[in-house]
């Protein structure tokens, strides 16, 4: 599980990894499964904000996302978690929001779903409050952005520079004249 890394970068990185897997014929060197397939089978991403990442949820994989509040850190959602959820999840179908907001964590950590459903029945925010398109106060959204970069657009990554750095790293690992140098 990756925690507190954001999620908007994941689809791009999976695309790059799959491209390199294909380009370098890594399946002939023992890696039989595409990196994106390994990710979707074995990884979970924990995040607490990032509307851009929610918009990319299908590319990342609904089963791979776990929401957290990052309490008590200042960039976390408290004390405005309800509004934060509404701003981040408006328009997301309830079954998808349920997976991201709790069901995936129950499965990932092997938690007791029955006990957690009983607690949620007492304290949880109704999903209609989370997925509604009811506006969140613009001043509060600006506050979220100052705390965590909530409105930050997905990062544009220079693929040519990334490829150059990967090739540089691979060349260094091969050592002189293409020989393997450990690592």
Protein backbone atom coordinates (compact mmCIF):
# COMPACT_ATOMS: atom_id res chain seq x y z
CA UNK A 1 0.00 0.00 0.00
CA UNK A 2 1.17 3.50 -0.80
CA UNK A 3 0.01 6.13 1.65
CA UNK A 4 -0.08 9.91 1.34
CA UNK A 5 1.34 9.97 -2.18
CA UNK A 6 -1.62 11.37 -4.07
CA UNK A 7 -3.19 9.34 -6.85
CA UNK A 8 -3.39 11.54 -9.94
CA UNK A 9 0.04 10.38 -11.13
CA UNK A 10 -0.82 6.66 -11.09
CA UNK A 11 -2.41 6.24 -14.56
CA UNK A 12 0.51 7.96 -16.24
CA UNK A 13 3.10 5.90 -14.35
CA UNK A 14 1.27 2.67 -15.19
CA UNK A 15 1.26 3.67 -18.84
CA UNK A 16 5.02 4.38 -18.75
CA UNK A 17 5.76 1.11 -16.94
CA UNK A 18 3.68 -0.90 -19.42
CA UNK A 19 5.37 0.90 -22.31
CA UNK A 20 8.84 0.06 -20.97
CA UNK A 21 7.76 -3.53 -20.24
CA UNK A 22 6.66 -3.88 -23.86
CA UNK A 23 9.57 -1.97 -25.38
CA UNK A 24 12.23 -3.87 -23.45
CA UNK A 25 10.55 -7.27 -23.94
CA UNK A 26 10.59 -7.83 -20.19
CA UNK A 27 8.16 -10.73 -20.48
CA UNK A 28 11.06 -12.67 -22.07
CA UNK A 29 13.19 -11.92 -18.99
CA UNK A 30 10.81 -13.39 -16.44
CA UNK A 31 8.26 -10.62 -15.93
CA UNK A 32 5.26 -12.32 -17.53
CA UNK A 33 2.63 -9.89 -16.21
CA UNK A 34 2.23 -6.28 -17.27
CA UNK A 35 3.14 -3.80 -14.50
CA UNK A 36 -0.37 -2.30 -14.61
CA UNK A 37 -1.88 -5.75 -14.04
CA UNK A 38 0.48 -6.37 -11.11
CA UNK A 39 -0.49 -2.98 -9.67
CA UNK A 40 -4.22 -3.65 -9.95
CA UNK A 41 -3.79 -7.09 -8.37
CA UNK A 42 -1.42 -6.16 -5.54
CA UNK A 43 -1.49 -2.42 -4.73
CA UNK A 44 -3.70 -0.02 -2.86
CA UNK A 45 -3.37 3.74 -2.83
CA UNK A 46 -4.37 5.73 0.25
CA UNK A 47 -5.31 9.38 -0.30
CA UNK A 48 -7.39 12.04 1.44
CA UNK A 49 -8.10 14.67 -1.18
CA UNK A 50 -7.54 15.22 -4.86
CA UNK A 51 -10.57 15.65 -7.07
CA UNK A 52 -8.35 15.09 -10.14
CA UNK A 53 -7.45 11.65 -8.79
CA UNK A 54 -11.11 10.80 -8.22
CA UNK A 55 -11.79 11.69 -11.83
CA UNK A 56 -9.11 9.13 -12.80
CA UNK A 57 -10.48 6.44 -10.45
CA UNK A 58 -11.33 3.99 -13.24
CA UNK A 59 -7.85 4.21 -14.76
CA UNK A 60 -6.32 3.58 -11.32
CA UNK A 61 -8.85 0.91 -10.39
CA UNK A 62 -11.76 1.31 -7.99
CA UNK A 63 -10.53 -1.64 -5.93
CA UNK A 64 -7.14 0.02 -5.44
CA UNK A 65 -8.28 3.24 -3.72
CA UNK A 66 -8.58 3.83 0.04
CA UNK A 67 -9.71 7.19 1.42
CA UNK A 68 -8.24 8.52 4.65
CA UNK A 69 -8.63 11.73 6.62
CA UNK A 70 -4.95 12.11 7.63
CA UNK A 71 -6.06 13.30 11.07
CA UNK A 72 -4.49 15.22 12.86
CA UNK A 73 -2.24 16.71 10.16
CA UNK A 74 -3.09 20.19 8.88
CA UNK A 75 -3.40 18.98 5.30
CA UNK A 76 -5.96 16.39 6.43
CA UNK A 77 -9.70 16.74 6.17
CA UNK A 78 -10.61 17.49 9.80
CA UNK A 79 -12.54 19.52 10.94
CA UNK A 80 -14.29 19.82 7.57
CA UNK A 81 -14.43 16.15 6.57
CA UNK A 82 -18.09 16.24 5.51
CA UNK A 83 -17.53 19.20 3.19
CA UNK A 84 -14.25 17.71 1.95
CA UNK A 85 -16.02 14.48 1.06
CA UNK A 86 -18.79 16.38 -0.72
CA UNK A 87 -16.31 18.48 -2.70
CA UNK A 88 -14.25 15.42 -3.67
CA UNK A 89 -16.97 12.82 -4.30
CA UNK A 90 -19.88 14.78 -5.76
CA UNK A 91 -21.25 12.97 -8.79
CA UNK A 92 -19.47 9.70 -7.96
CA UNK A 93 -21.96 6.80 -8.00
CA UNK A 94 -22.73 5.54 -4.50
CA UNK A 95 -21.40 2.01 -5.10
CA UNK A 96 -18.05 3.46 -6.23
CA UNK A 97 -17.86 5.91 -3.32
CA UNK A 98 -18.65 3.09 -0.87
CA UNK A 99 -15.72 1.06 -2.19
CA UNK A 100 -13.27 3.96 -1.95
CA UNK A 101 -14.53 5.30 1.39
CA UNK A 102 -14.57 2.03 3.28
CA UNK A 103 -15.23 -1.29 1.58
CA UNK A 104 -11.76 -1.50 0.01
CA UNK A 105 -10.12 -0.81 3.39
CA UNK A 106 -12.23 -3.52 5.05
CA UNK A 107 -11.00 -6.05 2.50
CA UNK A 108 -7.39 -4.80 2.34
CA UNK A 109 -6.87 -4.85 6.12
CA UNK A 110 -9.11 -7.87 6.80
CA UNK A 111 -11.39 -5.88 9.11
CA UNK A 112 -14.67 -7.10 10.58
CA UNK A 113 -17.25 -5.67 8.17
CA UNK A 114 -20.19 -6.46 10.45
CA UNK A 115 -18.76 -4.51 13.38
CA UNK A 116 -17.79 -1.58 11.15
CA UNK A 117 -21.26 -1.45 9.57
CA UNK A 118 -22.78 -1.23 13.06
CA UNK A 119 -20.48 1.68 13.93
CA UNK A 120 -21.17 3.36 10.58
CA UNK A 121 -24.92 3.10 11.18
CA UNK A 122 -24.41 5.28 14.27
CA UNK A 123 -21.81 7.80 13.10
CA UNK A 124 -21.41 7.81 9.32
CA UNK A 125 -22.34 10.62 6.99
CA UNK A 126 -25.24 9.57 4.74
CA UNK A 127 -24.03 8.88 1.21
CA UNK A 128 -26.58 11.32 -0.13
CA UNK A 129 -24.60 14.03 1.72
CA UNK A 130 -21.33 12.86 0.16
CA UNK A 131 -22.25 12.34 -3.49
CA UNK A 132 -24.60 15.28 -3.91
CA UNK A 133 -23.66 18.17 -6.14
CA UNK A 134 -24.59 20.61 -3.37
CA UNK A 135 -21.94 23.32 -3.54
CA UNK A 136 -19.26 23.66 -0.89
CA UNK A 137 -18.52 27.18 0.31
CA UNK A 138 -15.90 28.66 -2.09
CA UNK A 139 -13.95 30.07 0.88
CA UNK A 140 -13.75 26.59 2.38
CA UNK A 141 -12.54 25.17 -0.96
CA UNK A 142 -9.86 27.87 -1.04
CA UNK A 143 -8.94 26.85 2.51
CA UNK A 144 -8.68 23.18 1.40
CA UNK A 145 -6.43 24.26 -1.46
CA UNK A 146 -4.13 26.21 0.87
CA UNK A 147 -3.90 23.23 3.22
CA UNK A 148 -3.37 20.50 0.67
CA UNK A 149 -3.33 21.66 -2.93
CA UNK A 150 -6.89 20.36 -3.39
CA UNK A 151 -7.41 22.29 -6.64
CA UNK A 152 -4.05 21.31 -8.06
CA UNK A 153 -4.41 20.07 -11.61
CA UNK A 154 -2.95 16.69 -12.54
CA UNK A 155 0.78 16.99 -12.86
CA UNK A 156 2.15 17.18 -16.38
CA UNK A 157 5.10 14.85 -16.62
CA UNK A 158 7.84 15.26 -19.20
CA UNK A 159 7.81 11.73 -20.64
CA UNK A 160 11.00 12.29 -22.65
CA UNK A 161 12.87 13.42 -19.52
CA UNK A 162 11.48 10.51 -17.50
CA UNK A 163 12.52 8.05 -20.22
CA UNK A 164 16.00 9.63 -20.33
CA UNK A 165 16.36 9.22 -16.56
CA UNK A 166 15.16 5.60 -16.67
CA UNK A 167 17.61 4.82 -19.47
CA UNK A 168 20.40 6.56 -17.54
CA UNK A 169 19.61 4.49 -14.46
CA UNK A 170 19.44 1.26 -16.44
CA UNK A 171 22.76 2.03 -18.14
CA UNK A 172 24.38 2.67 -14.74
CA UNK A 173 23.06 -0.66 -13.45
CA UNK A 174 24.47 -2.50 -16.48
CA UNK A 175 27.90 -1.02 -15.85
CA UNK A 176 30.73 -0.93 -18.41
CA UNK A 177 30.05 -2.53 -21.79
CA UNK A 178 26.53 -3.60 -20.76
CA UNK A 179 27.63 -5.95 -17.95
CA UNK A 180 25.29 -6.34 -14.99
CA UNK A 181 26.41 -4.43 -11.91
CA UNK A 182 24.24 -5.78 -9.12
CA UNK A 183 21.41 -3.89 -7.49
